[in-house]
Amino acid sequence: MVFSGRLAEVFGELALPLDKFARTLGYRRIAEQTWEGLSKKNQQVMQAYADGVNDYIEHIEFNPWTNEGRSAHLLPPEFYTLGLTDKIEPWTPIDTLANMSLIGFSLTWDWAQDFLREVNKNQSEDLLLLADQLTPYTKNYLVNMVTVLDDSDLKAMGKFSEESLTDKYLASLDELKAAEPAHGGKEKFRPFKAIKETLQEFDSIDESMSSNNWVIHGKHTSTGMPMLASDPHLGTSIPSFWTLNELIWDDYFMIGGSVPGVPLIGIGRSKSASWGQTAPLADTSDLWQETIDETGMKYKVDGEWKELKFKHETILVKGAESQELVIKFTHRGPLFDPITM
């Protein structure tokens, strides 16, 4: 329901901002476009997965207790707690792809860094330099061009430090604040407090929010075979992001971690191979400040006004009237209004 923007159906008006964001960003729109571009084989895999989910749903025993004891086919407890046992909808491949789109966005950090750079860039040269340091993924830093780094590489580039990056940059803000001129400098450094508080809240600049894979060569193991570790650094949640899974068919098997709602094994092994995945921390998103005319119907591109496109959606709200959402689009993508979102 998160990726479909339908949380308000269960949680009421409290969830409206999340629903508006999900619908405006368009996880499901992206999923529908992705589906059309998939190969026939991949579509068959996703449809087979959805068929399996729906077969389970069809045979669920909604009464947690039966004459034979506790049922083996129960829904997760959240369904009973929220009274949703009679509101289960069939799972579709579009749901799978929308879920993957949501996961992908959760691993997209550069949009927040772009925003910080935009906020800081007009304040002072010192703050612009600090913004560049805080958002290296938007720059051609050497450290981003190297696949494997060790301490000696970092030391050679003068980038090795035992100090936390977050602490280092917050300390830099304190130093700049202390250097503020006694007279006439308040306006120049006016946003310091807000910037510092923002940085402390932005997980996207914390080096702990990372991801990695690594492998040990067989010459360093007792079996002579290589060992692979995949460390995705995804945040903890309830329910868990991962579920342990084993797939067996004919003489084949796979075992490892699966993402609920997504087929196959994301991180795992078979009889002959193992695999992992990690976030590349690439620049995968852009924020664009658009110029809208007084009517709210057009936007400016290269000095010319072009018509916005509109999409109307209705958000059902538990315990309240439904909300109408108008999503505006430029040729670059959907518009986000910080006042109404």
C-alpha atoms as a PDB file:
ATOM      1  CA  MET A   1       0.000   0.000   0.000  1.00  0.00           C
ATOM      2  CA  VAL A   2       2.967   2.302   0.498  1.00  0.00           C
ATOM      3  CA  PHE A   3       4.004   2.206  -3.149  1.00  0.00           C
ATOM      4  CA  SER A   4       0.397   2.641  -4.287  1.00  0.00           C
ATOM      5  CA  GLY A   5      -0.248   5.679  -2.088  1.00  0.00           C
ATOM      6  CA  ARG A   6      -3.103   3.988  -0.199  1.00  0.00           C
ATOM      7  CA  LEU A   7      -2.009   4.123   3.428  1.00  0.00           C
ATOM      8  CA  ALA A   8      -4.739   6.670   4.262  1.00  0.00           C
ATOM      9  CA  GLU A   9      -7.323   3.958   3.571  1.00  0.00           C
ATOM     10  CA  VAL A  10      -6.074   2.228   6.717  1.00  0.00           C
ATOM     11  CA  PHE A  11      -4.482   4.944   8.869  1.00  0.00           C
ATOM     12  CA  GLY A  12      -6.615   7.962   7.999  1.00  0.00           C
ATOM     13  CA  GLU A  13      -5.512  11.548   7.458  1.00  0.00           C
ATOM     14  CA  LEU A  14      -2.191  10.972   9.232  1.00  0.00           C
ATOM     15  CA  ALA A  15      -0.937   9.063   6.176  1.00  0.00           C
ATOM     16  CA  LEU A  16      -2.079  11.595   3.551  1.00  0.00           C
ATOM     17  CA  PRO A  17       1.360  13.236   3.063  1.00  0.00           C
ATOM     18  CA  LEU A  18       2.906   9.814   2.366  1.00  0.00           C
ATOM     19  CA  ASP A  19       0.156   8.932  -0.096  1.00  0.00           C
ATOM     20  CA  LYS A  20       0.497  12.246  -1.928  1.00  0.00           C
ATOM     21  CA  PHE A  21       4.249  11.789  -2.197  1.00  0.00           C
ATOM     22  CA  ALA A  22       3.980   8.185  -3.445  1.00  0.00           C
ATOM     23  CA  ARG A  23       1.384   9.055  -6.054  1.00  0.00           C
ATOM     24  CA  THR A  24       3.194  12.175  -7.223  1.00  0.00           C
ATOM     25  CA  LEU A  25       6.534  10.415  -7.533  1.00  0.00           C
ATOM     26  CA  GLY A  26       4.620   7.617  -9.245  1.00  0.00           C
ATOM     27  CA  TYR A  27       5.918   4.239  -8.117  1.00  0.00           C
ATOM     28  CA  ARG A  28       3.065   2.514  -9.934  1.00  0.00           C
ATOM     29  CA  ARG A  29       3.441   4.657 -13.052  1.00  0.00           C
ATOM     30  CA  ILE A  30       7.099   3.687 -13.184  1.00  0.00           C
ATOM     31  CA  ALA A  31       6.145   0.039 -12.661  1.00  0.00           C
ATOM     32  CA  GLU A  32       3.666   0.072 -15.532  1.00  0.00           C
ATOM     33  CA  GLN A  33       6.262   1.576 -17.862  1.00  0.00           C
ATOM     34  CA  THR A  34       8.854  -0.968 -16.702  1.00  0.00           C
ATOM     35  CA  TRP A  35       6.472  -3.876 -17.311  1.00  0.00           C
ATOM     36  CA  GLU A  36       6.036  -2.899 -20.932  1.00  0.00           C
ATOM     37  CA  GLY A  37       9.802  -3.002 -21.428  1.00  0.00           C
ATOM     38  CA  LEU A  38      10.389  -6.421 -19.856  1.00  0.00           C
ATOM     39  CA  SER A  39      11.175  -9.475 -21.934  1.00  0.00           C
ATOM     40  CA  LYS A  40       8.530 -12.170 -22.287  1.00  0.00           C
ATOM     41  CA  LYS A  41      10.563 -14.481 -20.058  1.00  0.00           C
ATOM     42  CA  ASN A  42      10.846 -11.957 -17.244  1.00  0.00           C
ATOM     43  CA  GLN A  43       7.133 -11.214 -17.458  1.00  0.00           C
ATOM     44  CA  GLN A  44       6.421 -14.943 -17.135  1.00  0.00           C
ATOM     45  CA  VAL A  45       8.615 -15.200 -14.026  1.00  0.00           C
ATOM     46  CA  MET A  46       6.843 -12.287 -12.351  1.00  0.00           C
ATOM     47  CA  GLN A  47       3.408 -13.581 -13.309  1.00  0.00           C
ATOM     48  CA  ALA A  48       4.254 -17.040 -11.947  1.00  0.00           C
ATOM     49  CA  TYR A  49       5.321 -15.433  -8.657  1.00  0.00           C
ATOM     50  CA  ALA A  50       2.087 -13.429  -8.467  1.00  0.00           C
ATOM     51  CA  ASP A  51       0.066 -16.583  -9.204  1.00  0.00           C
ATOM     52  CA  GLY A  52       1.770 -18.321  -6.276  1.00  0.00           C
ATOM     53  CA  VAL A  53       1.037 -15.439  -3.901  1.00  0.00           C
ATOM     54  CA  ASN A  54      -2.601 -15.401  -4.974  1.00  0.00           C
ATOM     55  CA  ASP A  55      -2.929 -19.162  -4.583  1.00  0.00           C
ATOM     56  CA  TYR A  56      -1.777 -18.797  -0.971  1.00  0.00           C
ATOM     57  CA  ILE A  57      -4.226 -15.941  -0.368  1.00  0.00           C
ATOM     58  CA  GLU A  58      -7.077 -17.975  -1.820  1.00  0.00           C
ATOM     59  CA  HIS A  59      -6.455 -20.837   0.618  1.00  0.00           C
ATOM     60  CA  ILE A  60      -5.862 -18.777   3.763  1.00  0.00           C
ATOM     61  CA  GLU A  61      -7.807 -19.808   6.841  1.00  0.00           C
ATOM     62  CA  PHE A  62      -9.003 -16.501   8.262  1.00  0.00           C
ATOM     63  CA  ASN A  63      -9.905 -17.976  11.651  1.00  0.00           C
ATOM     64  CA  PRO A  64      -6.614 -18.183  13.594  1.00  0.00           C
ATOM     65  CA  TRP A  65      -7.876 -21.195  15.489  1.00  0.00           C
ATOM     66  CA  THR A  66      -9.466 -24.338  14.039  1.00  0.00           C
ATOM     67  CA  ASN A  67     -10.598 -27.643  15.465  1.00  0.00           C
ATOM     68  CA  GLU A  68      -7.276 -29.135  14.403  1.00  0.00           C
ATOM     69  CA  GLY A  69      -5.291 -26.451  16.225  1.00  0.00           C
ATOM     70  CA  ARG A  70      -3.552 -23.380  14.895  1.00  0.00           C
ATOM     71  CA  SER A  71      -3.878 -23.014  11.132  1.00  0.00           C
ATOM     72  CA  ALA A  72      -0.761 -23.355   9.026  1.00  0.00           C
ATOM     73  CA  HIS A  73      -2.045 -20.720   6.600  1.00  0.00           C
ATOM     74  CA  LEU A  74      -2.344 -17.486   8.511  1.00  0.00           C
ATOM     75  CA  LEU A  75      -1.969 -13.895   7.510  1.00  0.00           C
ATOM     76  CA  PRO A  76       0.645 -11.739   9.215  1.00  0.00           C
ATOM     77  CA  PRO A  77      -0.699 -10.365  12.536  1.00  0.00           C
ATOM     78  CA  GLU A  78      -0.956  -6.829  11.126  1.00  0.00           C
ATOM     79  CA  PHE A  79      -3.933  -7.917   9.003  1.00  0.00           C
ATOM     80  CA  TYR A  80      -5.862  -9.097  12.060  1.00  0.00           C
ATOM     81  CA  THR A  81      -4.880  -6.077  14.176  1.00  0.00           C
ATOM     82  CA  LEU A  82      -6.011  -3.621  11.508  1.00  0.00           C
ATOM     83  CA  GLY A  83      -9.106  -5.607  10.530  1.00  0.00           C
ATOM     84  CA  LEU A  84      -7.999  -6.189   6.956  1.00  0.00           C
ATOM     85  CA  THR A  85      -8.584  -9.917   6.607  1.00  0.00           C
ATOM     86  CA  ASP A  86     -11.496  -9.360   4.232  1.00  0.00           C
ATOM     87  CA  LYS A  87      -9.768  -6.683   2.143  1.00  0.00           C
ATOM     88  CA  ILE A  88      -6.942  -8.631   0.534  1.00  0.00           C
ATOM     89  CA  GLU A  89      -6.500  -7.838  -3.138  1.00  0.00           C
ATOM     90  CA  PRO A  90      -4.776 -10.114  -5.675  1.00  0.00           C
ATOM     91  CA  TRP A  91      -1.059  -9.529  -6.091  1.00  0.00           C
ATOM     92  CA  THR A  92       0.115  -8.497  -9.565  1.00  0.00           C
ATOM     93  CA  PRO A  93       3.467  -8.137 -11.342  1.00  0.00           C
ATOM     94  CA  ILE A  94       2.868  -4.372 -11.271  1.00  0.00           C
ATOM     95  CA  ASP A  95       2.861  -4.596  -7.454  1.00  0.00           C
ATOM     96  CA  THR A  96       6.224  -6.333  -7.579  1.00  0.00           C
ATOM     97  CA  LEU A  97       7.719  -3.695  -9.856  1.00  0.00           C
ATOM     98  CA  ALA A  98       6.224  -0.834  -7.820  1.00  0.00           C
ATOM     99  CA  ASN A  99       7.735  -2.361  -4.689  1.00  0.00           C
ATOM    100  CA  MET A 100      11.113  -2.517  -6.430  1.00  0.00           C
ATOM    101  CA  SER A 101      10.693   1.112  -7.478  1.00  0.00           C
ATOM    102  CA  LEU A 102      10.069   2.080  -3.851  1.00  0.00           C
ATOM    103  CA  ILE A 103      13.182   0.178  -2.767  1.00  0.00           C
ATOM    104  CA  GLY A 104      15.189   1.881  -5.488  1.00  0.00           C
ATOM    105  CA  PHE A 105      14.078   5.315  -4.321  1.00  0.00           C
ATOM    106  CA  SER A 106      15.011   4.465  -0.726  1.00  0.00           C
ATOM    107  CA  LEU A 107      18.567   3.910  -1.997  1.00  0.00           C
ATOM    108  CA  THR A 108      18.619   7.180  -3.942  1.00  0.00           C
ATOM    109  CA  TRP A 109      20.386   9.832  -1.879  1.00  0.00           C
ATOM    110  CA  ASP A 110      21.734  12.347  -4.355  1.00  0.00           C
ATOM    111  CA  TRP A 111      18.447  14.265  -4.630  1.00  0.00           C
ATOM    112  CA  ALA A 112      18.850  15.297  -0.973  1.00  0.00           C
ATOM    113  CA  GLN A 113      22.463  16.262  -1.619  1.00  0.00           C
ATOM    114  CA  ASP A 114      21.408  18.324  -4.640  1.00  0.00           C
ATOM    115  CA  PHE A 115      18.946  20.152  -2.406  1.00  0.00           C
ATOM    116  CA  LEU A 116      21.607  20.897   0.219  1.00  0.00           C
ATOM    117  CA  ARG A 117      23.985  22.236  -2.410  1.00  0.00           C
ATOM    118  CA  GLU A 118      21.261  24.479  -3.827  1.00  0.00           C
ATOM    119  CA  VAL A 119      20.432  25.854  -0.369  1.00  0.00           C
ATOM    120  CA  ASN A 120      24.064  26.518   0.485  1.00  0.00           C
ATOM    121  CA  LYS A 121      25.496  27.729  -2.807  1.00  0.00           C
ATOM    122  CA  ASN A 122      24.447  31.375  -2.555  1.00  0.00           C
ATOM    123  CA  GLN A 123      25.452  31.890   1.079  1.00  0.00           C
ATOM    124  CA  SER A 124      29.224  32.219   0.890  1.00  0.00           C
ATOM    125  CA  GLU A 125      32.265  30.707  -0.789  1.00  0.00           C
ATOM    126  CA  ASP A 126      33.036  28.803   2.406  1.00  0.00           C
ATOM    127  CA  LEU A 127      29.576  27.252   2.494  1.00  0.00           C
ATOM    128  CA  LEU A 128      29.750  26.382  -1.200  1.00  0.00           C
ATOM    129  CA  LEU A 129      33.024  24.581  -0.582  1.00  0.00           C
ATOM    130  CA  LEU A 130      31.427  22.796   2.354  1.00  0.00           C
ATOM    131  CA  ALA A 131      28.454  21.825   0.177  1.00  0.00           C
ATOM    132  CA  ASP A 132      30.832  20.305  -2.363  1.00  0.00           C
ATOM    133  CA  GLN A 133      32.493  18.314   0.415  1.00  0.00           C
ATOM    134  CA  LEU A 134      29.146  17.153   1.752  1.00  0.00           C
ATOM    135  CA  THR A 135      27.899  16.035  -1.651  1.00  0.00           C
ATOM    136  CA  PRO A 136      30.838  14.345  -3.368  1.00  0.00           C
ATOM    137  CA  TYR A 137      28.614  12.134  -5.494  1.00  0.00           C
ATOM    138  CA  THR A 138      27.693  15.172  -7.570  1.00  0.00           C
ATOM    139  CA  LYS A 139      31.353  15.927  -8.258  1.00  0.00           C
ATOM    140  CA  ASN A 140      34.123  14.161 -10.182  1.00  0.00           C
ATOM    141  CA  TYR A 141      36.007  13.245  -7.041  1.00  0.00           C
ATOM    142  CA  LEU A 142      38.771  10.700  -7.527  1.00  0.00           C
ATOM    143  CA  VAL A 143      37.405   8.590  -4.684  1.00  0.00           C
ATOM    144  CA  ASN A 144      34.230   7.990  -6.716  1.00  0.00           C
ATOM    145  CA  MET A 145      36.158   6.702  -9.704  1.00  0.00           C
ATOM    146  CA  VAL A 146      37.902   3.884  -7.831  1.00  0.00           C
ATOM    147  CA  THR A 147      36.270   0.475  -7.451  1.00  0.00           C
ATOM    148  CA  VAL A 148      38.369  -0.896  -4.592  1.00  0.00           C
ATOM    149  CA  LEU A 149      40.090   1.265  -1.970  1.00  0.00           C
ATOM    150  CA  ASP A 150      42.253   0.460   1.020  1.00  0.00           C
ATOM    151  CA  ASP A 151      43.758   2.717   3.677  1.00  0.00           C
ATOM    152  CA  SER A 152      46.920   3.298   1.650  1.00  0.00           C
ATOM    153  CA  ASP A 153      44.851   4.563  -1.316  1.00  0.00           C
ATOM    154  CA  LEU A 154      42.957   6.978   0.909  1.00  0.00           C
ATOM    155  CA  LYS A 155      46.148   8.169   2.594  1.00  0.00           C
ATOM    156  CA  ALA A 156      47.778   8.764  -0.796  1.00  0.00           C
ATOM    157  CA  MET A 157      44.851  10.993  -1.746  1.00  0.00           C
ATOM    158  CA  GLY A 158      44.918  12.748   1.605  1.00  0.00           C
ATOM    159  CA  LYS A 159      41.394  11.545   2.384  1.00  0.00           C
ATOM    160  CA  PHE A 160      42.093   9.049   5.163  1.00  0.00           C
ATOM    161  CA  SER A 161      40.655   9.936   8.565  1.00  0.00           C
ATOM    162  CA  GLU A 162      39.595   8.116  11.696  1.00  0.00           C
ATOM    163  CA  GLU A 163      37.064  10.881  12.337  1.00  0.00           C
ATOM    164  CA  SER A 164      33.414  10.451  11.415  1.00  0.00           C
ATOM    165  CA  LEU A 165      32.560  12.400   8.275  1.00  0.00           C
ATOM    166  CA  THR A 166      29.388  13.707   9.859  1.00  0.00           C
ATOM    167  CA  ASP A 167      31.234  14.927  12.966  1.00  0.00           C
ATOM    168  CA  LYS A 168      33.960  16.421  10.780  1.00  0.00           C
ATOM    169  CA  TYR A 169      31.583  18.511   8.712  1.00  0.00           C
ATOM    170  CA  LEU A 170      29.489  19.617  11.671  1.00  0.00           C
ATOM    171  CA  ALA A 171      32.721  20.738  13.337  1.00  0.00           C
ATOM    172  CA  SER A 172      33.557  22.678  10.155  1.00  0.00           C
ATOM    173  CA  LEU A 173      30.284  24.537  10.517  1.00  0.00           C
ATOM    174  CA  ASP A 174      31.184  25.442  14.087  1.00  0.00           C
ATOM    175  CA  GLU A 175      34.563  26.756  12.936  1.00  0.00           C
ATOM    176  CA  LEU A 176      32.967  28.901  10.246  1.00  0.00           C
ATOM    177  CA  LYS A 177      30.425  30.214  12.725  1.00  0.00           C
ATOM    178  CA  ALA A 178      33.225  31.174  15.129  1.00  0.00           C
ATOM    179  CA  ALA A 179      34.923  33.101  12.301  1.00  0.00           C
ATOM    180  CA  GLU A 180      31.820  35.232  11.682  1.00  0.00           C
ATOM    181  CA  PRO A 181      32.758  38.948  11.588  1.00  0.00           C
ATOM    182  CA  ALA A 182      31.746  40.984  14.603  1.00  0.00           C
ATOM    183  CA  HIS A 183      29.865  43.493  12.446  1.00  0.00           C
ATOM    184  CA  GLY A 184      27.849  43.084   9.290  1.00  0.00           C
ATOM    185  CA  GLY A 185      28.274  39.326   9.119  1.00  0.00           C
ATOM    186  CA  LYS A 186      24.958  38.112  10.458  1.00  0.00           C
ATOM    187  CA  GLU A 187      23.240  38.068   7.091  1.00  0.00           C
ATOM    188  CA  LYS A 188      26.133  36.254   5.434  1.00  0.00           C
ATOM    189  CA  PHE A 189      26.038  33.399   7.943  1.00  0.00           C
ATOM    190  CA  ARG A 190      22.344  33.638   8.819  1.00  0.00           C
ATOM    191  CA  PRO A 191      21.388  30.046   7.923  1.00  0.00           C
ATOM    192  CA  PHE A 192      24.035  28.316  10.054  1.00  0.00           C
ATOM    193  CA  LYS A 193      21.678  27.023  12.712  1.00  0.00           C
ATOM    194  CA  ALA A 194      19.161  25.747  10.185  1.00  0.00           C
ATOM    195  CA  ILE A 195      21.877  24.135   8.055  1.00  0.00           C
ATOM    196  CA  LYS A 196      23.454  22.377  11.019  1.00  0.00           C
ATOM    197  CA  GLU A 197      20.093  21.053  12.199  1.00  0.00           C
ATOM    198  CA  THR A 198      19.307  19.903   8.659  1.00  0.00           C
ATOM    199  CA  LEU A 199      22.615  18.079   8.337  1.00  0.00           C
ATOM    200  CA  GLN A 200      22.010  16.273  11.614  1.00  0.00           C
ATOM    201  CA  GLU A 201      18.655  15.059  10.328  1.00  0.00           C
ATOM    202  CA  PHE A 202      19.848  13.979   6.870  1.00  0.00           C
ATOM    203  CA  ASP A 203      20.852  10.308   7.019  1.00  0.00           C
ATOM    204  CA  SER A 204      21.915  10.632   3.377  1.00  0.00           C
ATOM    205  CA  ILE A 205      25.196  12.325   4.329  1.00  0.00           C
ATOM    206  CA  ASP A 206      26.054   9.806   7.037  1.00  0.00           C
ATOM    207  CA  GLU A 207      28.822   7.450   5.962  1.00  0.00           C
ATOM    208  CA  SER A 208      27.116   4.620   7.879  1.00  0.00           C
ATOM    209  CA  MET A 209      24.463   4.680   5.154  1.00  0.00           C
ATOM    210  CA  SER A 210      26.531   2.699   2.723  1.00  0.00           C
ATOM    211  CA  SER A 211      26.626  -0.703   1.103  1.00  0.00           C
ATOM    212  CA  ASN A 212      29.348  -3.098   0.049  1.00  0.00           C
ATOM    213  CA  ASN A 213      30.307  -6.489  -1.287  1.00  0.00           C
ATOM    214  CA  TRP A 214      33.615  -8.188  -0.768  1.00  0.00           C
ATOM    215  CA  VAL A 215      35.212 -11.511  -1.621  1.00  0.00           C
ATOM    216  CA  ILE A 216      38.075 -13.569  -0.181  1.00  0.00           C
ATOM    217  CA  HIS A 217      40.279 -15.378  -2.687  1.00  0.00           C
ATOM    218  CA  GLY A 218      40.401 -19.150  -2.408  1.00  0.00           C
ATOM    219  CA  LYS A 219      44.115 -19.060  -1.480  1.00  0.00           C
ATOM    220  CA  HIS A 220      43.085 -17.491   1.847  1.00  0.00           C
ATOM    221  CA  THR A 221      40.381 -20.042   2.759  1.00  0.00           C
ATOM    222  CA  SER A 222      40.648 -23.538   4.242  1.00  0.00           C
ATOM    223  CA  THR A 223      38.659 -25.077   1.368  1.00  0.00           C
ATOM    224  CA  GLY A 224      40.528 -23.336  -1.417  1.00  0.00           C
ATOM    225  CA  MET A 225      37.239 -21.882  -2.627  1.00  0.00           C
ATOM    226  CA  PRO A 226      36.430 -18.157  -2.617  1.00  0.00           C
ATOM    227  CA  MET A 227      34.017 -16.685  -0.091  1.00  0.00           C
ATOM    228  CA  LEU A 228      31.617 -13.853  -0.934  1.00  0.00           C
ATOM    229  CA  ALA A 229      30.008 -11.491   1.578  1.00  0.00           C
ATOM    230  CA  SER A 230      27.213  -9.111   0.627  1.00  0.00           C
ATOM    231  CA  ASP A 231      26.497  -6.331   3.098  1.00  0.00           C
ATOM    232  CA  PRO A 232      23.615  -4.190   1.806  1.00  0.00           C
ATOM    233  CA  HIS A 233      23.370  -1.910   4.911  1.00  0.00           C
ATOM    234  CA  LEU A 234      19.614  -1.562   4.570  1.00  0.00           C
ATOM    235  CA  GLY A 235      17.804  -0.103   7.549  1.00  0.00           C
ATOM    236  CA  THR A 236      16.019  -2.338  10.035  1.00  0.00           C
ATOM    237  CA  SER A 237      12.244  -2.397   9.908  1.00  0.00           C
ATOM    238  CA  ILE A 238       9.166  -4.273  11.104  1.00  0.00           C
ATOM    239  CA  PRO A 239       8.316  -6.342   9.184  1.00  0.00           C
ATOM    240  CA  SER A 240      11.847  -7.156   8.059  1.00  0.00           C
ATOM    241  CA  PHE A 241      13.110  -6.055   4.670  1.00  0.00           C
ATOM    242  CA  TRP A 242      14.466  -9.576   4.087  1.00  0.00           C
ATOM    243  CA  THR A 243      13.041 -13.042   4.475  1.00  0.00           C
ATOM    244  CA  LEU A 244      15.138 -16.227   4.331  1.00  0.00           C
ATOM    245  CA  ASN A 245      14.086 -18.413   1.455  1.00  0.00           C
ATOM    246  CA  GLU A 246      14.992 -21.662  -0.284  1.00  0.00           C
ATOM    247  CA  LEU A 247      13.896 -22.566  -3.788  1.00  0.00           C
ATOM    248  CA  ILE A 248      14.122 -26.172  -5.023  1.00  0.00           C
ATOM    249  CA  TRP A 249      13.177 -27.490  -8.451  1.00  0.00           C
ATOM    250  CA  ASP A 250      14.363 -30.621 -10.255  1.00  0.00           C
ATOM    251  CA  ASP A 251      18.068 -30.942  -9.359  1.00  0.00           C
ATOM    252  CA  TYR A 252      18.523 -27.216  -8.692  1.00  0.00           C
ATOM    253  CA  PHE A 253      18.260 -25.090  -5.617  1.00  0.00           C
ATOM    254  CA  MET A 254      18.879 -21.538  -4.414  1.00  0.00           C
ATOM    255  CA  ILE A 255      18.999 -20.334  -0.839  1.00  0.00           C
ATOM    256  CA  GLY A 256      19.407 -16.874   0.647  1.00  0.00           C
ATOM    257  CA  GLY A 257      17.546 -13.660   1.291  1.00  0.00           C
ATOM    258  CA  SER A 258      14.444 -12.624  -0.641  1.00  0.00           C
ATOM    259  CA  VAL A 259      12.595  -9.323  -0.562  1.00  0.00           C
ATOM    260  CA  PRO A 260       8.878  -9.898   0.208  1.00  0.00           C
ATOM    261  CA  GLY A 261       6.902  -9.197  -2.922  1.00  0.00           C
ATOM    262  CA  VAL A 262       9.855  -9.823  -5.240  1.00  0.00           C
ATOM    263  CA  PRO A 263      10.562 -13.238  -6.814  1.00  0.00           C
ATOM    264  CA  LEU A 264      13.739 -15.307  -6.553  1.00  0.00           C
ATOM    265  CA  ILE A 265      16.757 -14.804  -4.264  1.00  0.00           C
ATOM    266  CA  GLY A 266      18.284 -11.354  -4.005  1.00  0.00           C
ATOM    267  CA  ILE A 267      21.397 -12.360  -2.074  1.00  0.00           C
ATOM    268  CA  GLY A 268      22.317 -16.020  -1.849  1.00  0.00           C
ATOM    269  CA  ARG A 269      23.900 -19.062  -3.420  1.00  0.00           C
ATOM    270  CA  SER A 270      23.243 -22.164  -5.480  1.00  0.00           C
ATOM    271  CA  LYS A 271      25.277 -25.359  -5.773  1.00  0.00           C
ATOM    272  CA  SER A 272      27.824 -23.696  -8.029  1.00  0.00           C
ATOM    273  CA  ALA A 273      27.667 -19.936  -7.514  1.00  0.00           C
ATOM    274  CA  SER A 274      26.928 -17.163  -5.029  1.00  0.00           C
ATOM    275  CA  TRP A 275      25.841 -13.584  -5.625  1.00  0.00           C
ATOM    276  CA  GLY A 276      25.224 -10.341  -3.807  1.00  0.00           C
ATOM    277  CA  GLN A 277      24.150  -6.810  -4.489  1.00  0.00           C
ATOM    278  CA  THR A 278      25.088  -3.341  -3.352  1.00  0.00           C
ATOM    279  CA  ALA A 279      24.129   0.267  -3.937  1.00  0.00           C
ATOM    280  CA  PRO A 280      26.565   1.986  -6.340  1.00  0.00           C
ATOM    281  CA  LEU A 281      25.817   5.461  -4.904  1.00  0.00           C
ATOM    282  CA  ALA A 282      25.606   6.850  -8.415  1.00  0.00           C
ATOM    283  CA  ASP A 283      23.920  10.119  -9.367  1.00  0.00           C
ATOM    284  CA  THR A 284      20.538   8.644 -10.315  1.00  0.00           C
ATOM    285  CA  SER A 285      18.101  11.515  -9.736  1.00  0.00           C
ATOM    286  CA  ASP A 286      17.747  15.224 -10.386  1.00  0.00           C
ATOM    287  CA  LEU A 287      15.793  18.074  -8.828  1.00  0.00           C
ATOM    288  CA  TRP A 288      14.851  20.888 -11.176  1.00  0.00           C
ATOM    289  CA  GLN A 289      13.461  24.250 -10.108  1.00  0.00           C
ATOM    290  CA  GLU A 290      10.703  25.059 -12.573  1.00  0.00           C
ATOM    291  CA  THR A 291       9.220  28.466 -13.429  1.00  0.00           C
ATOM    292  CA  ILE A 292       5.406  28.338 -13.431  1.00  0.00           C
ATOM    293  CA  ASP A 293       3.196  31.083 -14.841  1.00  0.00           C
ATOM    294  CA  GLU A 294       0.521  32.926 -12.835  1.00  0.00           C
ATOM    295  CA  THR A 295      -2.240  30.628 -14.067  1.00  0.00           C
ATOM    296  CA  GLY A 296      -0.433  27.519 -12.856  1.00  0.00           C
ATOM    297  CA  MET A 297      -1.005  25.941 -16.257  1.00  0.00           C
ATOM    298  CA  LYS A 298       2.322  26.524 -17.998  1.00  0.00           C
ATOM    299  CA  TYR A 299       6.047  26.280 -17.298  1.00  0.00           C
ATOM    300  CA  LYS A 300       9.016  27.950 -18.954  1.00  0.00           C
ATOM    301  CA  VAL A 301      11.547  26.011 -21.052  1.00  0.00           C
ATOM    302  CA  ASP A 302      14.334  27.810 -22.911  1.00  0.00           C
ATOM    303  CA  GLY A 303      12.449  31.087 -22.710  1.00  0.00           C
ATOM    304  CA  GLU A 304       9.166  29.632 -23.997  1.00  0.00           C
ATOM    305  CA  TRP A 305       5.994  28.676 -22.126  1.00  0.00           C
ATOM    306  CA  LYS A 306       4.810  25.091 -22.433  1.00  0.00           C
ATOM    307  CA  GLU A 307       1.610  23.463 -21.223  1.00  0.00           C
ATOM    308  CA  LEU A 308       1.759  21.393 -18.065  1.00  0.00           C
ATOM    309  CA  LYS A 309       0.167  17.955 -18.116  1.00  0.00           C
ATOM    310  CA  PHE A 310      -2.249  16.952 -15.359  1.00  0.00           C
ATOM    311  CA  LYS A 311      -3.321  13.709 -13.743  1.00  0.00           C
ATOM    312  CA  HIS A 312      -6.237  13.550 -11.295  1.00  0.00           C
ATOM    313  CA  GLU A 313      -6.330  10.916  -8.553  1.00  0.00           C
ATOM    314  CA  THR A 314      -8.696  10.253  -5.649  1.00  0.00           C
ATOM    315  CA  ILE A 315      -7.252   9.226  -2.278  1.00  0.00           C
ATOM    316  CA  LEU A 316      -9.662   7.351  -0.006  1.00  0.00           C
ATOM    317  CA  VAL A 317      -9.265   8.337   3.652  1.00  0.00           C
ATOM    318  CA  LYS A 318     -10.435   6.251   6.596  1.00  0.00           C
ATOM    319  CA  GLY A 319     -12.834   8.216   8.797  1.00  0.00           C
ATOM    320  CA  ALA A 320     -12.820  11.283   6.544  1.00  0.00           C
ATOM    321  CA  GLU A 321     -13.792  12.520   3.117  1.00  0.00           C
ATOM    322  CA  SER A 322     -11.734  11.419   0.153  1.00  0.00           C
ATOM    323  CA  GLN A 323      -9.037  13.782  -1.113  1.00  0.00           C
ATOM    324  CA  GLU A 324      -8.527  14.856  -4.710  1.00  0.00           C
ATOM    325  CA  LEU A 325      -4.898  15.058  -5.841  1.00  0.00           C
ATOM    326  CA  VAL A 326      -3.858  16.871  -8.994  1.00  0.00           C
ATOM    327  CA  ILE A 327      -0.401  15.836 -10.187  1.00  0.00           C
ATOM    328  CA  LYS A 328       1.335  18.244 -12.550  1.00  0.00           C
ATOM    329  CA  PHE A 329       3.986  17.146 -15.037  1.00  0.00           C
ATOM    330  CA  THR A 330       6.648  18.832 -17.098  1.00  0.00           C
ATOM    331  CA  HIS A 331       8.635  16.954 -19.742  1.00  0.00           C
ATOM    332  CA  ARG A 332      11.169  16.285 -16.962  1.00  0.00           C
ATOM    333  CA  GLY A 333       8.753  14.648 -14.551  1.00  0.00           C
ATOM    334  CA  PRO A 334       6.228  15.388 -11.792  1.00  0.00           C
ATOM    335  CA  LEU A 335       6.145  18.676  -9.890  1.00  0.00           C
ATOM    336  CA  PHE A 336       6.522  18.651  -6.117  1.00  0.00           C
ATOM    337  CA  ASP A 337       4.953  21.535  -4.232  1.00  0.00           C
ATOM    338  CA  PRO A 338       6.442  21.717  -0.709  1.00  0.00           C
ATOM    339  CA  ILE A 339       3.360  23.608   0.522  1.00  0.00           C
ATOM    340  CA  THR A 340       0.758  21.048  -0.514  1.00  0.00           C
ATOM    341  CA  MET A 341       2.811  17.849  -0.183  1.00  0.00           C
END
